[in-house]
N, C-alpha and C. Protein backbone atom coordinates (compact mmCIF):
# COMPACT_ATOMS: atom_id res chain seq x y z
N MET A 1 183.99 205.95 134.74
CA MET A 1 183.50 206.29 133.47
C MET A 1 185.02 206.48 132.80
N SER A 2 184.92 206.14 131.39
CA SER A 2 186.07 206.35 130.63
C SER A 2 185.83 207.77 130.09
N ILE A 3 186.85 208.73 130.35
CA ILE A 3 186.74 209.87 129.95
C ILE A 3 186.90 210.14 128.60
N GLY A 4 187.88 209.34 127.96
CA GLY A 4 188.39 209.26 126.75
C GLY A 4 187.12 208.92 125.76
N HIS A 5 186.51 207.75 126.07
CA HIS A 5 185.37 207.27 125.38
C HIS A 5 184.37 208.16 125.50
N THR A 6 183.83 209.10 126.69
CA THR A 6 182.99 209.98 126.65
C THR A 6 183.17 210.86 125.56
N LEU A 7 184.52 211.56 125.63
CA LEU A 7 184.94 212.53 125.07
C LEU A 7 184.94 212.10 123.22
N LEU A 8 185.41 211.05 122.91
CA LEU A 8 184.83 210.62 121.62
C LEU A 8 183.75 210.49 121.35
N GLY A 9 182.52 209.95 122.26
CA GLY A 9 181.31 210.00 121.91
C GLY A 9 180.72 211.47 121.64
N LEU A 10 181.12 212.16 122.47
CA LEU A 10 180.47 213.57 121.90
C LEU A 10 181.11 214.20 120.70
N LEU A 11 182.51 213.67 120.28
CA LEU A 11 182.90 214.21 119.12
C LEU A 11 182.18 213.61 118.01
N GLU A 12 181.41 212.56 118.06
CA GLU A 12 180.84 211.77 116.96
C GLU A 12 179.86 212.99 116.52
N GLY A 13 179.06 213.89 117.28
CA GLY A 13 178.10 214.90 116.83
C GLY A 13 178.54 215.78 115.98
N GLU A 14 179.76 216.22 116.38
CA GLU A 14 180.55 217.07 115.44
C GLU A 14 181.81 217.76 116.13
N PRO A 15 182.73 217.92 115.22
CA PRO A 15 184.15 218.44 115.68
C PRO A 15 183.88 219.78 116.84
N ARG A 16 184.68 219.67 117.41
CA ARG A 16 184.76 220.58 118.70
C ARG A 16 186.12 220.82 119.38
N HIS A 17 186.26 221.95 119.91
CA HIS A 17 187.33 222.66 120.67
C HIS A 17 187.50 221.78 122.11
N GLY A 18 188.59 221.82 122.65
CA GLY A 18 188.86 221.40 123.71
C GLY A 18 187.52 222.11 124.66
N TYR A 19 187.57 223.39 124.71
CA TYR A 19 186.61 224.21 125.77
C TYR A 19 185.21 223.59 125.41
N ASP A 20 184.88 223.47 124.12
CA ASP A 20 183.66 223.15 124.04
C ASP A 20 183.26 221.70 124.67
N LEU A 21 184.08 220.81 124.53
CA LEU A 21 184.21 219.48 124.91
C LEU A 21 183.85 219.28 126.47
N LYS A 22 184.72 220.30 127.10
CA LYS A 22 184.64 220.20 128.58
C LYS A 22 183.13 220.68 129.08
N ARG A 23 182.80 222.03 128.40
CA ARG A 23 181.70 222.41 128.85
C ARG A 23 180.39 221.25 128.47
N ALA A 24 180.48 220.72 127.07
CA ALA A 24 179.31 219.50 126.97
C ALA A 24 179.61 218.32 128.02
N TYR A 25 180.74 217.93 128.14
CA TYR A 25 180.79 216.81 129.38
C TYR A 25 180.21 217.50 130.70
N ASP A 26 180.68 218.71 131.18
CA ASP A 26 180.26 218.82 132.59
C ASP A 26 178.67 219.27 132.45
N GLU A 27 178.01 219.52 131.48
CA GLU A 27 177.11 219.72 131.42
C GLU A 27 176.16 218.37 131.34
N ARG A 28 176.67 217.21 130.78
CA ARG A 28 175.81 215.79 130.99
C ARG A 28 176.14 215.16 131.53
N PHE A 29 177.54 215.08 132.16
CA PHE A 29 178.00 214.09 132.84
C PHE A 29 179.02 214.41 134.19
N GLY A 30 179.19 215.83 134.07
CA GLY A 30 180.09 216.12 135.08
C GLY A 30 179.42 217.31 136.24
N LYS A 31 178.04 217.10 136.58
CA LYS A 31 177.60 218.10 137.27
C LYS A 31 178.42 218.05 138.78
N ASP A 32 178.54 216.88 139.17
CA ASP A 32 179.21 216.81 140.79
C ASP A 32 180.67 216.66 140.25
N ARG A 33 181.28 216.53 139.29
CA ARG A 33 182.83 216.02 139.28
C ARG A 33 183.11 216.53 137.93
N PRO A 34 183.21 218.05 137.81
CA PRO A 34 183.45 218.80 136.31
C PRO A 34 184.88 218.27 136.04
N LEU A 35 185.42 218.14 134.80
CA LEU A 35 186.58 217.96 134.44
C LEU A 35 187.31 219.25 134.42
N HIS A 36 188.57 219.18 134.71
CA HIS A 36 189.49 220.14 134.74
C HIS A 36 190.31 220.38 133.20
N TYR A 37 190.54 221.51 132.87
CA TYR A 37 190.91 221.60 131.48
C TYR A 37 191.94 220.80 131.13
N GLY A 38 193.09 220.77 132.10
CA GLY A 38 194.07 220.11 131.82
C GLY A 38 193.97 218.41 131.48
N GLN A 39 192.74 218.06 132.22
CA GLN A 39 192.50 216.84 131.88
C GLN A 39 191.64 216.61 130.41
N VAL A 40 190.96 217.43 130.14
CA VAL A 40 190.55 217.18 128.66
C VAL A 40 191.58 217.40 127.89
N TYR A 41 192.63 218.23 127.64
CA TYR A 41 193.50 218.33 126.91
C TYR A 41 194.71 217.26 126.93
N ALA A 42 194.86 216.72 128.09
CA ALA A 42 195.67 215.63 128.19
C ALA A 42 195.01 214.43 127.45
N THR A 43 193.88 214.32 127.78
CA THR A 43 192.88 213.02 127.13
C THR A 43 192.90 213.31 125.60
N LEU A 44 192.73 214.59 124.89
CA LEU A 44 192.67 214.74 123.64
C LEU A 44 193.80 214.49 123.03
N SER A 45 195.18 214.86 123.82
CA SER A 45 196.49 214.65 123.33
C SER A 45 196.66 212.94 123.13
N ARG A 46 196.27 212.10 123.99
CA ARG A 46 196.23 210.80 123.77
C ARG A 46 195.49 210.19 123.07
N LEU A 47 194.26 210.79 122.80
CA LEU A 47 193.45 210.11 121.66
C LEU A 47 193.68 210.70 120.11
N LEU A 48 194.91 211.60 120.23
CA LEU A 48 195.12 212.17 118.97
C LEU A 48 196.36 211.36 118.74
N LYS A 49 197.13 210.84 119.80
CA LYS A 49 198.49 210.00 119.32
C LYS A 49 198.18 208.93 119.12
N ASN A 50 196.77 208.16 119.52
CA ASN A 50 196.31 206.97 119.34
C ASN A 50 195.60 206.75 117.86
N GLY A 51 195.28 207.92 117.39
CA GLY A 51 194.61 208.04 116.07
C GLY A 51 193.20 208.04 116.33
N LEU A 52 192.79 208.23 117.33
CA LEU A 52 191.17 208.11 117.31
C LEU A 52 190.44 209.65 117.08
N VAL A 53 191.09 210.51 117.38
CA VAL A 53 190.83 212.12 116.64
C VAL A 53 191.82 212.62 116.08
N GLU A 54 191.36 213.87 115.45
CA GLU A 54 192.38 214.19 114.65
C GLU A 54 192.07 215.86 114.51
N VAL A 55 193.12 216.63 114.47
CA VAL A 55 192.61 218.30 114.55
C VAL A 55 192.13 218.51 113.06
N SER A 56 190.87 219.06 113.13
CA SER A 56 190.11 219.24 112.02
C SER A 56 190.27 220.90 111.59
N GLY A 57 190.71 221.63 112.37
CA GLY A 57 191.01 223.04 112.21
C GLY A 57 191.81 223.86 113.27
N VAL A 58 192.26 224.69 112.97
CA VAL A 58 193.07 225.50 113.91
C VAL A 58 192.53 227.24 113.37
N GLU A 59 192.14 227.86 114.94
CA GLU A 59 191.63 229.21 114.55
C GLU A 59 192.66 230.12 115.46
N ALA A 60 193.07 231.04 115.08
CA ALA A 60 193.84 232.02 115.77
C ALA A 60 192.98 232.68 116.59
N GLY A 61 193.53 232.82 117.95
CA GLY A 61 192.54 233.98 118.68
C GLY A 61 193.46 235.01 119.52
N GLY A 62 192.84 235.29 120.52
CA GLY A 62 193.75 236.28 121.19
C GLY A 62 195.03 235.86 122.31
N GLY A 63 194.73 234.25 122.28
CA GLY A 63 195.89 233.50 123.03
C GLY A 63 196.17 232.40 122.21
N PRO A 64 196.46 231.35 122.76
CA PRO A 64 197.13 230.30 121.72
C PRO A 64 196.10 229.97 120.79
N ASP A 65 196.25 229.29 119.57
CA ASP A 65 195.75 228.83 118.62
C ASP A 65 194.83 227.79 119.42
N ARG A 66 193.35 227.95 118.83
CA ARG A 66 192.29 226.78 119.30
C ARG A 66 192.48 226.17 118.17
N LYS A 67 192.42 224.49 118.85
CA LYS A 67 192.33 223.44 117.70
C LYS A 67 191.12 222.96 118.25
N ARG A 68 190.39 222.57 116.45
CA ARG A 68 189.29 221.77 116.47
C ARG A 68 189.34 220.48 116.47
N TYR A 69 188.78 219.18 117.37
CA TYR A 69 189.19 217.85 117.09
C TYR A 69 188.06 217.34 116.27
N ALA A 70 188.21 216.15 115.80
CA ALA A 70 187.05 215.52 115.10
C ALA A 70 187.43 213.86 115.50
N ILE A 71 186.39 213.37 115.53
CA ILE A 71 186.67 211.77 115.49
C ILE A 71 187.02 211.26 114.29
N THR A 72 187.92 210.24 114.21
CA THR A 72 188.44 209.15 113.20
C THR A 72 187.29 208.21 113.16
N ALA A 73 187.67 207.67 112.07
CA ALA A 73 186.83 206.19 111.84
C ALA A 73 187.35 205.18 112.84
N ALA A 74 188.72 205.14 113.11
CA ALA A 74 189.10 204.33 114.08
C ALA A 74 188.12 204.72 115.54
N GLY A 75 188.32 205.96 115.77
CA GLY A 75 187.53 206.28 117.18
C GLY A 75 186.18 205.84 116.82
N VAL A 76 185.14 206.14 115.91
CA VAL A 76 183.90 205.70 115.98
C VAL A 76 183.84 204.16 116.30
N THR A 77 184.78 203.33 115.74
CA THR A 77 184.71 201.86 116.03
C THR A 77 185.03 201.87 117.43
N ASP A 78 185.89 202.38 118.06
CA ASP A 78 186.45 202.27 119.40
C ASP A 78 185.16 202.66 120.34
N VAL A 79 184.54 203.97 120.07
CA VAL A 79 183.31 204.14 120.96
C VAL A 79 182.30 203.09 120.71
N ALA A 80 182.06 202.54 119.52
CA ALA A 80 181.00 201.32 119.33
C ALA A 80 181.33 200.10 119.88
N THR A 81 182.70 199.69 120.24
CA THR A 81 183.03 198.69 120.96
C THR A 81 182.69 198.80 122.43
N TRP A 82 183.33 200.16 122.86
CA TRP A 82 182.87 200.70 124.31
C TRP A 82 181.62 200.45 124.81
N LEU A 83 180.64 201.04 123.71
CA LEU A 83 179.21 201.09 124.20
C LEU A 83 178.75 199.63 124.17
N SER A 84 179.15 198.79 123.06
CA SER A 84 179.02 197.40 123.22
C SER A 84 179.20 196.54 124.23
N THR A 85 180.24 196.94 124.86
CA THR A 85 181.01 195.86 125.96
C THR A 85 180.36 196.37 127.25
N PRO A 86 179.57 195.38 127.95
CA PRO A 86 179.28 195.31 129.16
C PRO A 86 180.26 195.73 130.22
N GLU A 87 179.89 196.63 131.30
CA GLU A 87 180.82 197.14 132.41
C GLU A 87 180.58 195.65 133.35
N LYS A 88 181.93 195.59 133.69
CA LYS A 88 182.00 194.26 134.77
C LYS A 88 181.10 194.69 136.00
N PRO A 89 180.21 193.78 136.64
CA PRO A 89 179.55 194.01 137.77
C PRO A 89 180.71 193.85 138.86
N GLU A 90 180.73 195.08 140.13
CA GLU A 90 181.13 195.18 140.90
C GLU A 90 181.08 194.55 142.17
N PRO A 91 181.02 193.21 142.56
CA PRO A 91 180.30 192.65 143.65
C PRO A 91 181.54 193.06 144.98
N TYR A 92 181.12 193.87 145.75
CA TYR A 92 182.14 194.17 146.71
C TYR A 92 182.07 193.32 147.82
N LEU A 93 183.15 192.34 147.69
CA LEU A 93 183.03 191.36 148.64
C LEU A 93 183.87 191.80 149.95
N GLN A 94 185.04 192.45 149.82
CA GLN A 94 185.81 192.75 151.07
C GLN A 94 185.56 194.40 151.14
N ASN A 95 184.49 195.17 151.36
CA ASN A 95 184.45 196.55 151.45
C ASN A 95 185.06 196.98 152.90
N THR A 96 185.35 198.28 153.03
CA THR A 96 185.82 198.90 154.13
C THR A 96 184.91 198.79 155.12
N LEU A 97 183.60 199.26 154.81
CA LEU A 97 182.66 198.99 155.95
C LEU A 97 182.72 197.45 156.73
N TYR A 98 182.49 196.53 156.11
CA TYR A 98 182.80 195.08 156.79
C TYR A 98 183.94 195.08 157.57
N SER A 99 185.05 195.68 157.06
CA SER A 99 186.75 195.75 157.63
C SER A 99 186.27 196.79 158.88
N LYS A 100 185.56 197.59 158.93
CA LYS A 100 185.40 198.43 160.02
C LYS A 100 184.62 197.50 161.07
N VAL A 101 183.50 196.90 160.69
CA VAL A 101 182.90 196.11 161.69
C VAL A 101 183.51 195.12 162.27
N VAL A 102 184.31 194.43 161.51
CA VAL A 102 184.99 193.07 162.07
C VAL A 102 186.19 193.62 163.08
N LEU A 103 186.79 194.72 162.78
CA LEU A 103 187.83 195.32 163.69
C LEU A 103 187.48 195.91 164.63
N ALA A 104 186.21 196.58 164.75
CA ALA A 104 185.45 197.00 165.83
C ALA A 104 185.47 195.79 166.81
N LEU A 105 184.83 194.90 166.31
CA LEU A 105 184.37 193.67 167.22
C LEU A 105 185.70 192.77 167.75
N MET A 106 186.75 192.99 166.90
CA MET A 106 188.05 192.36 167.61
C MET A 106 188.57 193.02 168.53
N SER A 107 188.34 194.31 168.36
CA SER A 107 189.17 195.37 169.39
C SER A 107 188.29 195.68 170.65
N GLY A 108 187.07 195.03 170.61
CA GLY A 108 186.01 195.15 171.88
C GLY A 108 185.38 196.64 171.55
N ARG A 109 185.51 197.13 170.52
CA ARG A 109 184.87 198.47 170.40
C ARG A 109 183.18 197.94 170.08
N ASP A 110 182.33 199.40 170.26
CA ASP A 110 180.92 198.92 169.89
C ASP A 110 180.53 198.82 168.37
N ALA A 111 180.76 197.62 167.52
CA ALA A 111 180.12 197.63 166.20
C ALA A 111 178.77 198.35 165.96
N HIS A 112 178.04 198.08 166.75
CA HIS A 112 176.76 198.63 166.58
C HIS A 112 176.64 200.17 165.97
N GLU A 113 177.66 200.88 167.01
CA GLU A 113 177.99 202.18 166.96
C GLU A 113 178.41 202.59 165.60
N VAL A 114 179.39 201.77 165.06
CA VAL A 114 180.03 201.71 163.75
C VAL A 114 178.76 201.70 162.61
N LEU A 115 177.98 200.63 163.07
CA LEU A 115 176.93 200.51 161.98
C LEU A 115 175.82 201.59 162.01
N ASP A 116 175.56 202.34 163.10
CA ASP A 116 174.60 203.29 163.37
C ASP A 116 174.90 204.64 162.27
N THR A 117 176.48 204.78 162.88
CA THR A 117 176.92 206.02 162.40
C THR A 117 176.96 205.85 161.08
N GLN A 118 177.16 204.86 160.20
CA GLN A 118 177.23 204.65 158.77
C GLN A 118 175.86 204.76 158.30
N ARG A 119 174.96 204.05 159.06
CA ARG A 119 173.49 204.19 158.64
C ARG A 119 172.94 205.42 158.62
N ALA A 120 173.36 206.37 159.42
CA ALA A 120 173.18 207.93 159.61
C ALA A 120 173.67 208.92 158.42
N ALA A 121 174.85 208.24 158.15
CA ALA A 121 175.53 208.99 156.99
C ALA A 121 174.63 208.60 155.61
N HIS A 122 174.27 207.48 155.56
CA HIS A 122 173.78 206.93 154.34
C HIS A 122 172.28 207.66 154.05
N LEU A 123 171.59 207.82 155.43
CA LEU A 123 170.35 208.38 155.05
C LEU A 123 170.54 209.64 155.03
N ARG A 124 171.50 210.54 155.36
CA ARG A 124 171.47 212.09 155.12
C ARG A 124 171.79 212.02 153.65
N VAL A 125 172.72 211.24 153.04
CA VAL A 125 173.04 211.32 151.74
C VAL A 125 171.84 211.05 150.72
N MET A 126 171.14 210.26 151.39
CA MET A 126 170.00 209.79 150.77
C MET A 126 168.56 210.90 150.35
N ARG A 127 168.49 211.64 151.70
CA ARG A 127 167.71 212.83 151.86
C ARG A 127 168.15 213.85 150.76
N GLU A 128 169.32 214.13 150.60
CA GLU A 128 170.16 215.28 149.79
C GLU A 128 169.69 214.92 148.25
N LEU A 129 169.86 213.47 148.00
CA LEU A 129 169.62 212.79 146.83
C LEU A 129 168.38 213.22 146.46
N THR A 130 167.34 212.65 147.19
CA THR A 130 165.96 212.73 146.98
C THR A 130 165.32 213.93 146.81
N ARG A 131 166.26 215.28 147.53
CA ARG A 131 165.81 216.64 146.95
C ARG A 131 166.34 217.09 145.85
N ARG A 132 167.56 216.49 145.46
CA ARG A 132 168.20 216.84 144.34
C ARG A 132 167.47 216.47 143.16
N LYS A 133 166.88 215.08 143.24
CA LYS A 133 166.06 214.56 142.36
C LYS A 133 164.55 215.02 142.08
N ALA A 134 164.05 215.67 143.02
CA ALA A 134 162.82 216.29 143.19
C ALA A 134 162.98 217.66 142.14
N THR A 135 163.89 218.19 142.10
CA THR A 135 164.18 219.54 141.47
C THR A 135 164.86 219.48 140.03
N GLY A 136 165.53 218.29 140.07
CA GLY A 136 166.41 218.20 138.74
C GLY A 136 165.78 217.90 137.61
N ASP A 137 166.35 217.81 136.57
CA ASP A 137 165.99 217.47 135.03
C ASP A 137 166.28 215.97 135.15
N LEU A 138 165.80 215.22 134.03
CA LEU A 138 165.76 214.11 133.66
C LEU A 138 167.22 213.18 134.26
N THR A 139 168.41 214.14 133.51
CA THR A 139 169.52 213.58 133.88
C THR A 139 169.96 213.38 135.37
N ASP A 140 169.55 214.35 135.98
CA ASP A 140 169.60 214.64 137.42
C ASP A 140 168.96 213.36 137.97
N GLN A 141 167.53 213.01 137.59
CA GLN A 141 166.84 212.01 138.15
C GLN A 141 167.40 210.69 138.07
N LEU A 142 167.92 210.34 136.89
CA LEU A 142 168.41 208.97 136.57
C LEU A 142 169.95 208.85 137.51
N ILE A 143 170.51 209.75 137.53
CA ILE A 143 171.81 209.85 138.36
C ILE A 143 171.50 209.87 139.73
N CYS A 144 170.41 210.46 140.44
CA CYS A 144 170.29 210.07 141.57
C CYS A 144 169.58 208.78 141.95
N ASP A 145 168.83 208.32 140.74
CA ASP A 145 168.19 206.95 140.99
C ASP A 145 169.28 206.08 141.22
N HIS A 146 170.41 206.08 140.43
CA HIS A 146 171.32 205.30 140.56
C HIS A 146 172.08 204.97 142.16
N ALA A 147 172.15 206.19 142.49
CA ALA A 147 172.90 206.41 143.63
C ALA A 147 172.28 205.82 144.75
N LEU A 148 170.79 206.13 144.71
CA LEU A 148 169.93 205.94 145.78
C LEU A 148 169.97 204.30 145.72
N PHE A 149 169.59 203.74 144.69
CA PHE A 149 169.56 202.35 144.70
C PHE A 149 170.81 201.57 145.08
N HIS A 150 171.76 202.13 145.05
CA HIS A 150 173.16 201.86 145.66
C HIS A 150 173.29 201.78 147.39
N LEU A 151 172.87 203.10 147.59
CA LEU A 151 172.70 203.19 149.00
C LEU A 151 171.39 202.55 149.77
N GLU A 152 170.58 202.16 148.99
CA GLU A 152 169.33 201.31 149.63
C GLU A 152 169.92 199.71 149.73
N ALA A 153 170.77 199.27 148.88
CA ALA A 153 171.44 197.97 149.03
C ALA A 153 172.42 198.03 150.26
N ASP A 154 172.97 199.15 150.34
CA ASP A 154 173.68 199.30 151.61
C ASP A 154 173.15 199.30 152.77
N LEU A 155 172.11 199.75 152.69
CA LEU A 155 171.33 200.13 153.99
C LEU A 155 170.53 198.65 154.56
N ARG A 156 170.33 197.78 153.50
CA ARG A 156 169.90 196.51 153.57
C ARG A 156 171.09 195.56 154.32
N TRP A 157 171.97 195.91 153.78
CA TRP A 157 173.26 195.44 154.56
C TRP A 157 173.59 195.50 155.97
N LEU A 158 173.38 196.86 155.98
CA LEU A 158 173.60 197.38 157.47
C LEU A 158 172.56 196.79 158.52
N GLU A 159 171.51 196.50 157.99
CA GLU A 159 170.42 196.25 158.60
C GLU A 159 170.65 194.54 158.93
N LEU A 160 171.04 193.79 157.77
CA LEU A 160 171.11 192.22 158.02
C LEU A 160 172.48 192.22 158.91
N THR A 161 173.49 192.84 158.71
CA THR A 161 174.74 192.84 159.54
C THR A 161 174.49 193.27 161.08
N THR A 162 173.49 194.14 161.30
CA THR A 162 173.21 194.52 162.77
C THR A 162 172.29 193.28 163.32
N ALA A 163 171.74 192.60 162.66
CA ALA A 163 170.83 191.73 163.18
C ALA A 163 171.64 190.45 163.19
N ARG A 164 172.84 190.04 162.62
CA ARG A 164 174.02 189.19 162.66
C ARG A 164 175.28 189.30 163.73
N LEU A 165 174.94 190.51 164.29
CA LEU A 165 176.29 190.87 164.66
C LEU A 165 176.78 190.03 165.80
N GLY A 166 175.56 189.64 166.73
CA GLY A 166 176.00 188.58 167.82
C GLY A 166 176.77 187.39 167.28
N GLN A 167 176.23 186.79 166.17
CA GLN A 167 176.96 185.74 165.36
C GLN A 167 178.37 185.95 165.01
N LEU A 168 178.20 186.98 164.44
CA LEU A 168 179.74 187.52 163.72
C LEU A 168 180.82 187.37 164.93
N ALA A 169 180.24 188.03 165.88
CA ALA A 169 181.33 188.17 167.05
C ALA A 169 181.81 187.02 167.75
N LYS A 170 180.92 186.13 167.56
CA LYS A 170 181.48 184.73 167.86
C LYS A 170 182.08 183.90 167.11
N GLU A 171 182.12 184.42 165.91
CA GLU A 171 182.84 183.70 164.76
C GLU A 171 184.21 184.13 164.70
N ILE A 172 184.36 185.27 164.91
CA ILE A 172 185.80 186.07 164.96
C ILE A 172 186.43 186.08 166.31
N SER A 173 185.85 185.65 167.14
CA SER A 173 186.64 185.41 168.53
C SER A 173 187.51 184.29 168.83
């Protein structure tokens, strides 16, 4: 996810302080991985330098002055372009799990054990996500669905690879 573009999108609604942006981001997008304040302010600094945001006000407080940021016309255009550009589908043609299976076979280790261990880990995470989905709001449900669909695809691959393990062993030896 592009943090810069996401912060710009949040600024489209109204000007905000960095603290407010962090809170809005964490609430909508960062439940599992909240932003650090340093990351927010470093991103805002870069957006400011690139002319995508501007300081729309400064308020004195008990500590340092609090800047309020607003999106510029160039920022609105940048967000619109980002939103209309499809993400590149990532076909994981050489993933780590495949490498582990091949290396297990090459070294005489039990590749079935590698696949079974991975299957158990996937199923554990899927159970956790299913529980979270059942008690979560719509945002949580959509995020969990996305992750669950990816994990289901991985499980299908694990089953197919298990079925073809003998053939793979012959090809790599």
